[in-house]
Amino acid sequence: MKNFLIKSLYLSGFLFLALGCAHGDLQKKLDDKLSKEDVVKNQADLRFEINQLIEKAPDLTDDQRTRLRDLSRETSSQVDDIWSQSLKLRSVLIKDLINSNYDEDEAELIKSRLKDLEGKRLNTIFGAVNKANSILGRQANQNQPLVRGLFELHGKRNN
C-alpha cells in the first residue's frame, strides 16, 4: 500500500510538472499571438472584429453562425450593463474622494461592489466562451480526461 501511495505521488508530480512545462509553452504561444495582434481601441472595434470573424469563418454552418451572432449580441449587452454600473460606481467614488465629508466605509463598499462587478463581467465573458465552444461542438476543457484520471486514481487509492 505504501509503494502504491509513493508511486501515485510520483505520477501526480510528474503530471503536474509536465502540465507546467506545457503551460510555459502555451504562455509563449499566447504572448507571440498578442504581439502580432492589432490594437483594439474600444468595444466597438472588438464587436466589429467578432462579427467579421463570425461572417468570414468558412467552416461554420448557418445555424452556428446565427447562434454565435446571437451569443455575441447577448454577451455585449450584458457586458455593457455591467460596464455602465461600474462607471456609475467609479463616478460616485471619485466624487466622494474629493468631498470634504469623505466616508472611508462607503469608499470600501464601492470598491467591493466594483470587484463584484468585475467578477460578474469576467464570468459573463467566460460563460460566453463556454457557450461558443458548445455551439462549435468543442469541449470547453480539453484536459478533462487527464483531470478525471487523476481523480479516479485518487479514488482508487482511498478504497
N, C-alpha and C. Protein backbone atom coordinates (compact mmCIF):
# COMPACT_ATOMS: atom_id res chain seq x y z
N MET A 1 0.82 -1.19 0.00
CA MET A 1 0.00 0.00 0.00
C MET A 1 0.87 1.26 0.00
N LYS A 2 1.96 1.22 0.79
CA LYS A 2 2.85 2.36 0.87
C LYS A 2 3.52 2.60 -0.48
N ASN A 3 3.92 1.54 -1.18
CA ASN A 3 4.53 1.68 -2.51
C ASN A 3 3.55 2.29 -3.49
N PHE A 4 2.29 1.88 -3.40
CA PHE A 4 1.27 2.43 -4.29
C PHE A 4 1.13 3.93 -4.06
N LEU A 5 1.12 4.34 -2.80
CA LEU A 5 1.00 5.75 -2.46
C LEU A 5 2.19 6.53 -3.00
N ILE A 6 3.38 6.00 -2.83
CA ILE A 6 4.59 6.68 -3.33
C ILE A 6 4.54 6.78 -4.85
N LYS A 7 4.15 5.69 -5.52
CA LYS A 7 4.05 5.72 -6.98
C LYS A 7 3.00 6.73 -7.43
N SER A 8 1.90 6.79 -6.71
CA SER A 8 0.83 7.74 -7.05
C SER A 8 1.32 9.18 -6.91
N LEU A 9 2.07 9.43 -5.85
CA LEU A 9 2.60 10.78 -5.64
C LEU A 9 3.60 11.14 -6.73
N TYR A 10 4.48 10.20 -7.10
CA TYR A 10 5.43 10.46 -8.19
C TYR A 10 4.70 10.71 -9.50
N LEU A 11 3.68 9.90 -9.78
CA LEU A 11 2.91 10.07 -11.01
C LEU A 11 2.22 11.43 -11.02
N SER A 12 1.60 11.78 -9.90
CA SER A 12 0.94 13.09 -9.81
C SER A 12 1.93 14.22 -10.00
N GLY A 13 3.08 14.12 -9.35
CA GLY A 13 4.12 15.13 -9.50
C GLY A 13 4.59 15.25 -10.94
N PHE A 14 4.80 14.10 -11.59
CA PHE A 14 5.22 14.11 -12.98
C PHE A 14 4.18 14.77 -13.87
N LEU A 15 2.91 14.43 -13.66
CA LEU A 15 1.84 15.01 -14.47
C LEU A 15 1.76 16.52 -14.28
N PHE A 16 1.87 16.98 -13.04
CA PHE A 16 1.82 18.41 -12.81
C PHE A 16 3.05 19.11 -13.37
N LEU A 17 4.20 18.48 -13.32
CA LEU A 17 5.41 19.03 -13.93
C LEU A 17 5.25 19.11 -15.44
N ALA A 18 4.72 18.05 -16.02
CA ALA A 18 4.50 18.04 -17.47
C ALA A 18 3.50 19.11 -17.88
N LEU A 19 2.44 19.26 -17.09
CA LEU A 19 1.47 20.30 -17.39
C LEU A 19 2.09 21.69 -17.22
N GLY A 20 2.98 21.84 -16.24
CA GLY A 20 3.66 23.11 -16.03
C GLY A 20 4.54 23.48 -17.21
N CYS A 21 5.26 22.51 -17.76
CA CYS A 21 6.10 22.77 -18.94
C CYS A 21 5.22 23.12 -20.13
N ALA A 22 4.15 22.38 -20.30
CA ALA A 22 3.23 22.67 -21.39
C ALA A 22 2.62 24.05 -21.20
N HIS A 23 2.36 24.42 -19.96
CA HIS A 23 1.80 25.73 -19.65
C HIS A 23 2.78 26.83 -20.08
N GLY A 24 4.08 26.62 -19.85
CA GLY A 24 5.09 27.60 -20.26
C GLY A 24 5.11 27.78 -21.76
N ASP A 25 5.00 26.68 -22.50
CA ASP A 25 4.94 26.76 -23.97
C ASP A 25 3.68 27.49 -24.40
N LEU A 26 2.59 27.23 -23.71
CA LEU A 26 1.33 27.89 -24.01
C LEU A 26 1.43 29.38 -23.74
N GLN A 27 2.11 29.75 -22.66
CA GLN A 27 2.32 31.17 -22.34
C GLN A 27 3.06 31.86 -23.48
N LYS A 28 4.13 31.23 -23.97
CA LYS A 28 4.92 31.81 -25.05
C LYS A 28 4.09 31.92 -26.33
N LYS A 29 3.32 30.89 -26.61
CA LYS A 29 2.47 30.90 -27.80
C LYS A 29 1.47 32.05 -27.73
N LEU A 30 0.84 32.23 -26.56
CA LEU A 30 -0.12 33.31 -26.38
C LEU A 30 0.57 34.67 -26.49
N ASP A 31 1.73 34.81 -25.86
CA ASP A 31 2.46 36.08 -25.93
C ASP A 31 2.83 36.42 -27.38
N ASP A 32 3.21 35.41 -28.15
CA ASP A 32 3.52 35.63 -29.58
C ASP A 32 2.28 36.12 -30.33
N LYS A 33 1.14 35.49 -30.07
CA LYS A 33 -0.11 35.91 -30.72
C LYS A 33 -0.46 37.35 -30.35
N LEU A 34 -0.32 37.67 -29.06
CA LEU A 34 -0.65 39.02 -28.59
C LEU A 34 0.26 40.07 -29.23
N SER A 35 1.53 39.75 -29.42
CA SER A 35 2.45 40.72 -30.02
C SER A 35 2.10 41.01 -31.47
N LYS A 36 1.43 40.07 -32.15
CA LYS A 36 1.05 40.26 -33.54
C LYS A 36 -0.35 40.85 -33.71
N GLU A 37 -1.08 40.92 -32.62
CA GLU A 37 -2.47 41.38 -32.67
C GLU A 37 -2.53 42.90 -32.82
N ASP A 38 -3.46 43.36 -33.67
CA ASP A 38 -3.71 44.78 -33.80
C ASP A 38 -4.29 45.32 -32.49
N VAL A 39 -4.11 46.60 -32.27
CA VAL A 39 -4.63 47.22 -31.06
C VAL A 39 -6.14 47.37 -31.20
N VAL A 40 -6.86 46.86 -30.21
CA VAL A 40 -8.30 47.05 -30.16
C VAL A 40 -8.53 48.31 -29.32
N LYS A 41 -9.05 49.35 -29.96
CA LYS A 41 -9.15 50.65 -29.30
C LYS A 41 -10.33 50.75 -28.35
N ASN A 42 -11.41 50.05 -28.69
CA ASN A 42 -12.60 50.14 -27.85
C ASN A 42 -13.51 48.95 -28.11
N GLN A 43 -14.63 48.93 -27.41
CA GLN A 43 -15.55 47.80 -27.53
C GLN A 43 -16.16 47.72 -28.92
N ALA A 44 -16.38 48.86 -29.55
CA ALA A 44 -16.95 48.85 -30.91
C ALA A 44 -15.99 48.15 -31.88
N ASP A 45 -14.69 48.40 -31.75
CA ASP A 45 -13.70 47.71 -32.59
C ASP A 45 -13.76 46.20 -32.37
N LEU A 46 -13.85 45.81 -31.10
CA LEU A 46 -13.90 44.39 -30.77
C LEU A 46 -15.16 43.74 -31.35
N ARG A 47 -16.29 44.40 -31.20
CA ARG A 47 -17.55 43.86 -31.74
C ARG A 47 -17.47 43.72 -33.26
N PHE A 48 -16.91 44.72 -33.91
CA PHE A 48 -16.78 44.68 -35.36
C PHE A 48 -15.91 43.48 -35.76
N GLU A 49 -14.79 43.30 -35.06
CA GLU A 49 -13.90 42.19 -35.37
C GLU A 49 -14.58 40.84 -35.13
N ILE A 50 -15.33 40.73 -34.04
CA ILE A 50 -16.04 39.49 -33.74
C ILE A 50 -17.04 39.18 -34.86
N ASN A 51 -17.80 40.19 -35.26
CA ASN A 51 -18.79 39.98 -36.32
C ASN A 51 -18.13 39.59 -37.63
N GLN A 52 -17.00 40.21 -37.94
CA GLN A 52 -16.26 39.86 -39.16
C GLN A 52 -15.78 38.41 -39.12
N LEU A 53 -15.26 38.01 -37.97
CA LEU A 53 -14.77 36.64 -37.83
C LEU A 53 -15.91 35.63 -37.98
N ILE A 54 -17.05 35.93 -37.39
CA ILE A 54 -18.20 35.02 -37.50
C ILE A 54 -18.66 34.93 -38.95
N GLU A 55 -18.75 36.07 -39.62
CA GLU A 55 -19.24 36.08 -41.01
C GLU A 55 -18.27 35.39 -41.97
N LYS A 56 -16.99 35.53 -41.74
CA LYS A 56 -15.99 35.02 -42.68
C LYS A 56 -15.50 33.61 -42.38
N ALA A 57 -15.87 33.06 -41.24
CA ALA A 57 -15.40 31.71 -40.87
C ALA A 57 -15.96 30.70 -41.87
N PRO A 58 -15.07 30.01 -42.58
CA PRO A 58 -15.53 29.14 -43.66
C PRO A 58 -16.20 27.84 -43.20
N ASP A 59 -15.91 27.37 -42.02
CA ASP A 59 -16.40 26.06 -41.60
C ASP A 59 -17.67 26.11 -40.75
N LEU A 60 -18.26 27.30 -40.58
CA LEU A 60 -19.46 27.40 -39.76
C LEU A 60 -20.71 27.08 -40.57
N THR A 61 -21.65 26.39 -39.92
CA THR A 61 -22.95 26.19 -40.55
C THR A 61 -23.77 27.47 -40.36
N ASP A 62 -24.86 27.59 -41.09
CA ASP A 62 -25.73 28.76 -40.92
C ASP A 62 -26.27 28.83 -39.50
N ASP A 63 -26.62 27.67 -38.93
CA ASP A 63 -27.11 27.62 -37.56
C ASP A 63 -26.05 28.09 -36.57
N GLN A 64 -24.83 27.62 -36.72
CA GLN A 64 -23.74 28.04 -35.83
C GLN A 64 -23.50 29.54 -35.95
N ARG A 65 -23.50 30.03 -37.18
CA ARG A 65 -23.28 31.46 -37.41
C ARG A 65 -24.36 32.29 -36.70
N THR A 66 -25.61 31.87 -36.84
CA THR A 66 -26.72 32.58 -36.21
C THR A 66 -26.61 32.53 -34.69
N ARG A 67 -26.33 31.35 -34.16
CA ARG A 67 -26.22 31.19 -32.71
C ARG A 67 -25.04 31.99 -32.15
N LEU A 68 -23.93 32.03 -32.87
CA LEU A 68 -22.77 32.80 -32.42
C LEU A 68 -23.07 34.30 -32.46
N ARG A 69 -23.76 34.76 -33.51
CA ARG A 69 -24.16 36.17 -33.59
C ARG A 69 -25.06 36.54 -32.41
N ASP A 70 -26.04 35.66 -32.13
CA ASP A 70 -26.95 35.91 -31.01
C ASP A 70 -26.19 35.93 -29.68
N LEU A 71 -25.28 35.00 -29.52
CA LEU A 71 -24.46 34.94 -28.30
C LEU A 71 -23.63 36.21 -28.15
N SER A 72 -23.05 36.67 -29.24
CA SER A 72 -22.24 37.89 -29.22
C SER A 72 -23.08 39.10 -28.80
N ARG A 73 -24.27 39.22 -29.39
CA ARG A 73 -25.15 40.35 -29.03
C ARG A 73 -25.57 40.28 -27.56
N GLU A 74 -25.94 39.08 -27.11
CA GLU A 74 -26.36 38.90 -25.72
C GLU A 74 -25.22 39.22 -24.75
N THR A 75 -24.04 38.72 -25.06
CA THR A 75 -22.89 38.96 -24.19
C THR A 75 -22.52 40.44 -24.18
N SER A 76 -22.54 41.08 -25.34
CA SER A 76 -22.24 42.51 -25.42
C SER A 76 -23.21 43.32 -24.59
N SER A 77 -24.48 42.97 -24.66
CA SER A 77 -25.50 43.69 -23.89
C SER A 77 -25.25 43.53 -22.39
N GLN A 78 -24.95 42.31 -21.96
CA GLN A 78 -24.69 42.07 -20.54
C GLN A 78 -23.44 42.81 -20.07
N VAL A 79 -22.38 42.76 -20.88
CA VAL A 79 -21.14 43.44 -20.51
C VAL A 79 -21.35 44.96 -20.49
N ASP A 80 -22.15 45.49 -21.42
CA ASP A 80 -22.44 46.92 -21.43
C ASP A 80 -23.18 47.34 -20.16
N ASP A 81 -24.15 46.52 -19.73
CA ASP A 81 -24.88 46.83 -18.50
C ASP A 81 -23.93 46.85 -17.29
N ILE A 82 -23.07 45.87 -17.23
CA ILE A 82 -22.10 45.80 -16.13
C ILE A 82 -21.15 46.99 -16.18
N TRP A 83 -20.70 47.34 -17.38
CA TRP A 83 -19.78 48.47 -17.55
C TRP A 83 -20.45 49.77 -17.11
N SER A 84 -21.72 49.93 -17.44
CA SER A 84 -22.47 51.13 -17.05
C SER A 84 -22.55 51.24 -15.53
N GLN A 85 -22.85 50.12 -14.87
CA GLN A 85 -22.90 50.12 -13.41
C GLN A 85 -21.53 50.46 -12.82
N SER A 86 -20.49 49.93 -13.43
CA SER A 86 -19.13 50.19 -12.96
C SER A 86 -18.77 51.67 -13.09
N LEU A 87 -19.14 52.27 -14.22
CA LEU A 87 -18.86 53.69 -14.42
C LEU A 87 -19.57 54.55 -13.38
N LYS A 88 -20.82 54.21 -13.07
CA LYS A 88 -21.56 54.96 -12.04
C LYS A 88 -20.85 54.86 -10.69
N LEU A 89 -20.45 53.64 -10.34
CA LEU A 89 -19.77 53.46 -9.06
C LEU A 89 -18.46 54.23 -9.01
N ARG A 90 -17.72 54.21 -10.11
CA ARG A 90 -16.43 54.95 -10.14
C ARG A 90 -16.67 56.45 -10.04
N SER A 91 -17.73 56.93 -10.67
CA SER A 91 -18.05 58.34 -10.59
C SER A 91 -18.38 58.74 -9.15
N VAL A 92 -19.19 57.94 -8.48
CA VAL A 92 -19.52 58.21 -7.08
C VAL A 92 -18.27 58.15 -6.21
N LEU A 93 -17.40 57.18 -6.46
CA LEU A 93 -16.17 57.06 -5.69
C LEU A 93 -15.30 58.29 -5.83
N ILE A 94 -15.13 58.77 -7.04
CA ILE A 94 -14.29 59.95 -7.28
C ILE A 94 -14.90 61.18 -6.61
N LYS A 95 -16.22 61.34 -6.73
CA LYS A 95 -16.89 62.48 -6.09
C LYS A 95 -16.73 62.40 -4.58
N ASP A 96 -16.85 61.19 -4.03
CA ASP A 96 -16.68 61.03 -2.58
C ASP A 96 -15.25 61.33 -2.15
N LEU A 97 -14.29 60.92 -2.96
CA LEU A 97 -12.88 61.18 -2.62
C LEU A 97 -12.59 62.68 -2.53
N ILE A 98 -13.19 63.44 -3.41
CA ILE A 98 -12.94 64.88 -3.46
C ILE A 98 -13.73 65.62 -2.38
N ASN A 99 -14.83 65.05 -1.95
CA ASN A 99 -15.70 65.67 -0.96
C ASN A 99 -15.01 65.77 0.39
N SER A 100 -15.25 66.86 1.08
CA SER A 100 -14.64 67.05 2.40
C SER A 100 -15.23 66.11 3.45
N ASN A 101 -16.41 65.57 3.19
CA ASN A 101 -17.05 64.63 4.12
C ASN A 101 -16.79 63.18 3.69
N TYR A 102 -15.58 62.91 3.26
CA TYR A 102 -15.20 61.57 2.77
C TYR A 102 -15.51 60.51 3.82
N ASP A 103 -16.20 59.44 3.36
CA ASP A 103 -16.57 58.34 4.25
C ASP A 103 -15.81 57.10 3.78
N GLU A 104 -14.82 56.69 4.55
CA GLU A 104 -13.97 55.56 4.16
C GLU A 104 -14.76 54.26 4.07
N ASP A 105 -15.74 54.08 4.95
CA ASP A 105 -16.55 52.86 4.88
C ASP A 105 -17.35 52.79 3.58
N GLU A 106 -17.88 53.93 3.16
CA GLU A 106 -18.62 53.96 1.90
C GLU A 106 -17.67 53.69 0.73
N ALA A 107 -16.48 54.25 0.77
CA ALA A 107 -15.49 54.02 -0.29
C ALA A 107 -15.14 52.53 -0.36
N GLU A 108 -15.00 51.89 0.77
CA GLU A 108 -14.70 50.45 0.79
C GLU A 108 -15.86 49.64 0.22
N LEU A 109 -17.08 50.07 0.51
CA LEU A 109 -18.27 49.41 -0.04
C LEU A 109 -18.29 49.56 -1.57
N ILE A 110 -17.98 50.75 -2.05
CA ILE A 110 -17.94 50.98 -3.51
C ILE A 110 -16.87 50.10 -4.14
N LYS A 111 -15.70 50.04 -3.53
CA LYS A 111 -14.63 49.20 -4.08
C LYS A 111 -15.04 47.73 -4.09
N SER A 112 -15.74 47.31 -3.05
CA SER A 112 -16.22 45.93 -3.00
C SER A 112 -17.21 45.66 -4.13
N ARG A 113 -18.12 46.59 -4.36
CA ARG A 113 -19.08 46.43 -5.46
C ARG A 113 -18.38 46.42 -6.81
N LEU A 114 -17.36 47.25 -6.95
CA LEU A 114 -16.59 47.25 -8.21
C LEU A 114 -15.92 45.90 -8.45
N LYS A 115 -15.36 45.32 -7.40
CA LYS A 115 -14.75 43.98 -7.53
C LYS A 115 -15.80 42.95 -7.93
N ASP A 116 -16.98 43.03 -7.30
CA ASP A 116 -18.06 42.10 -7.64
C ASP A 116 -18.48 42.24 -9.10
N LEU A 117 -18.58 43.49 -9.55
CA LEU A 117 -18.96 43.73 -10.95
C LEU A 117 -17.90 43.18 -11.90
N GLU A 118 -16.64 43.36 -11.55
CA GLU A 118 -15.57 42.84 -12.41
C GLU A 118 -15.65 41.32 -12.48
N GLY A 119 -15.92 40.68 -11.35
CA GLY A 119 -16.10 39.23 -11.35
C GLY A 119 -17.28 38.81 -12.20
N LYS A 120 -18.36 39.58 -12.10
CA LYS A 120 -19.56 39.29 -12.91
C LYS A 120 -19.26 39.45 -14.40
N ARG A 121 -18.50 40.49 -14.74
CA ARG A 121 -18.12 40.72 -16.14
C ARG A 121 -17.29 39.56 -16.67
N LEU A 122 -16.30 39.14 -15.88
CA LEU A 122 -15.46 38.02 -16.31
C LEU A 122 -16.26 36.73 -16.41
N ASN A 123 -17.16 36.49 -15.46
CA ASN A 123 -17.99 35.29 -15.52
C ASN A 123 -18.88 35.31 -16.76
N THR A 124 -19.37 36.47 -17.13
CA THR A 124 -20.18 36.60 -18.34
C THR A 124 -19.36 36.25 -19.58
N ILE A 125 -18.14 36.77 -19.64
CA ILE A 125 -17.26 36.50 -20.79
C ILE A 125 -16.88 35.03 -20.83
N PHE A 126 -16.48 34.48 -19.69
CA PHE A 126 -16.07 33.07 -19.66
C PHE A 126 -17.25 32.15 -19.97
N GLY A 127 -18.44 32.52 -19.50
CA GLY A 127 -19.63 31.75 -19.83
C GLY A 127 -19.91 31.77 -21.32
N ALA A 128 -19.69 32.94 -21.95
CA ALA A 128 -19.90 33.05 -23.40
C ALA A 128 -18.89 32.18 -24.15
N VAL A 129 -17.67 32.11 -23.66
CA VAL A 129 -16.66 31.25 -24.29
C VAL A 129 -17.10 29.79 -24.22
N ASN A 130 -17.61 29.38 -23.06
CA ASN A 130 -18.10 28.01 -22.91
C ASN A 130 -19.27 27.73 -23.84
N LYS A 131 -20.19 28.69 -23.94
CA LYS A 131 -21.34 28.52 -24.84
C LYS A 131 -20.88 28.46 -26.29
N ALA A 132 -19.91 29.31 -26.66
CA ALA A 132 -19.39 29.29 -28.03
C ALA A 132 -18.75 27.93 -28.34
N ASN A 133 -17.99 27.42 -27.39
CA ASN A 133 -17.39 26.09 -27.58
C ASN A 133 -18.46 25.03 -27.77
N SER A 134 -19.54 25.14 -27.02
CA SER A 134 -20.65 24.20 -27.16
C SER A 134 -21.30 24.33 -28.55
N ILE A 135 -21.52 25.54 -29.00
CA ILE A 135 -22.09 25.78 -30.33
C ILE A 135 -21.19 25.18 -31.40
N LEU A 136 -19.89 25.28 -31.19
CA LEU A 136 -18.92 24.78 -32.17
C LEU A 136 -18.62 23.28 -32.00
N GLY A 137 -19.27 22.66 -31.00
CA GLY A 137 -19.10 21.22 -30.79
C GLY A 137 -17.80 20.85 -30.12
N ARG A 138 -17.23 21.78 -29.36
CA ARG A 138 -15.98 21.51 -28.65
C ARG A 138 -16.24 21.34 -27.17
N GLN A 139 -15.32 20.62 -26.54
CA GLN A 139 -15.33 20.58 -25.08
C GLN A 139 -14.61 21.82 -24.60
N ALA A 140 -15.15 22.46 -23.57
CA ALA A 140 -14.52 23.66 -23.03
C ALA A 140 -13.19 23.34 -22.37
N ASN A 141 -13.05 22.12 -21.82
CA ASN A 141 -11.82 21.78 -21.12
C ASN A 141 -11.19 20.57 -21.80
N GLN A 142 -10.16 20.80 -22.59
CA GLN A 142 -9.50 19.73 -23.33
C GLN A 142 -8.77 18.77 -22.40
N ASN A 143 -8.46 19.19 -21.18
CA ASN A 143 -7.71 18.35 -20.24
C ASN A 143 -8.63 17.53 -19.35
N GLN A 144 -9.92 17.52 -19.66
CA GLN A 144 -10.87 16.81 -18.81
C GLN A 144 -10.51 15.34 -18.59
N PRO A 145 -10.08 14.58 -19.62
CA PRO A 145 -9.71 13.18 -19.36
C PRO A 145 -8.56 13.04 -18.37
N LEU A 146 -7.58 13.93 -18.45
CA LEU A 146 -6.45 13.88 -17.54
C LEU A 146 -6.90 14.15 -16.11
N VAL A 147 -7.72 15.19 -15.93
CA VAL A 147 -8.21 15.54 -14.60
C VAL A 147 -9.06 14.40 -14.04
N ARG A 148 -9.94 13.85 -14.87
CA ARG A 148 -10.78 12.74 -14.43
C ARG A 148 -9.91 11.56 -14.02
N GLY A 149 -8.85 11.28 -14.79
CA GLY A 149 -7.93 10.19 -14.47
C GLY A 149 -7.26 10.40 -13.12
N LEU A 150 -6.87 11.64 -12.82
CA LEU A 150 -6.26 11.92 -11.53
C LEU A 150 -7.24 11.67 -10.39
N PHE A 151 -8.50 12.09 -10.58
CA PHE A 151 -9.49 11.87 -9.54
C PHE A 151 -9.81 10.39 -9.38
N GLU A 152 -9.86 9.66 -10.49
CA GLU A 152 -10.10 8.22 -10.41
C GLU A 152 -8.95 7.53 -9.68
N LEU A 153 -7.72 7.94 -9.97
CA LEU A 153 -6.55 7.39 -9.29
C LEU A 153 -6.64 7.66 -7.80
N HIS A 154 -7.02 8.88 -7.47
CA HIS A 154 -7.15 9.26 -6.05
C HIS A 154 -8.25 8.44 -5.37
N GLY A 155 -9.38 8.25 -6.10
CA GLY A 155 -10.49 7.46 -5.54
C GLY A 155 -10.09 6.01 -5.32
N LYS A 156 -9.32 5.41 -6.22
CA LYS A 156 -8.87 4.02 -6.08
C LYS A 156 -7.93 3.88 -4.89
N ARG A 157 -7.12 4.90 -4.66
CA ARG A 157 -6.16 4.86 -3.56
C ARG A 157 -6.90 4.86 -2.21
N ASN A 158 -8.03 5.57 -2.16
CA ASN A 158 -8.77 5.66 -0.89
C ASN A 158 -9.66 4.47 -0.64
N ASN A 159 -9.86 3.58 -1.61
CA ASN A 159 -10.73 2.41 -1.43
C ASN A 159 -10.02 1.28 -0.79
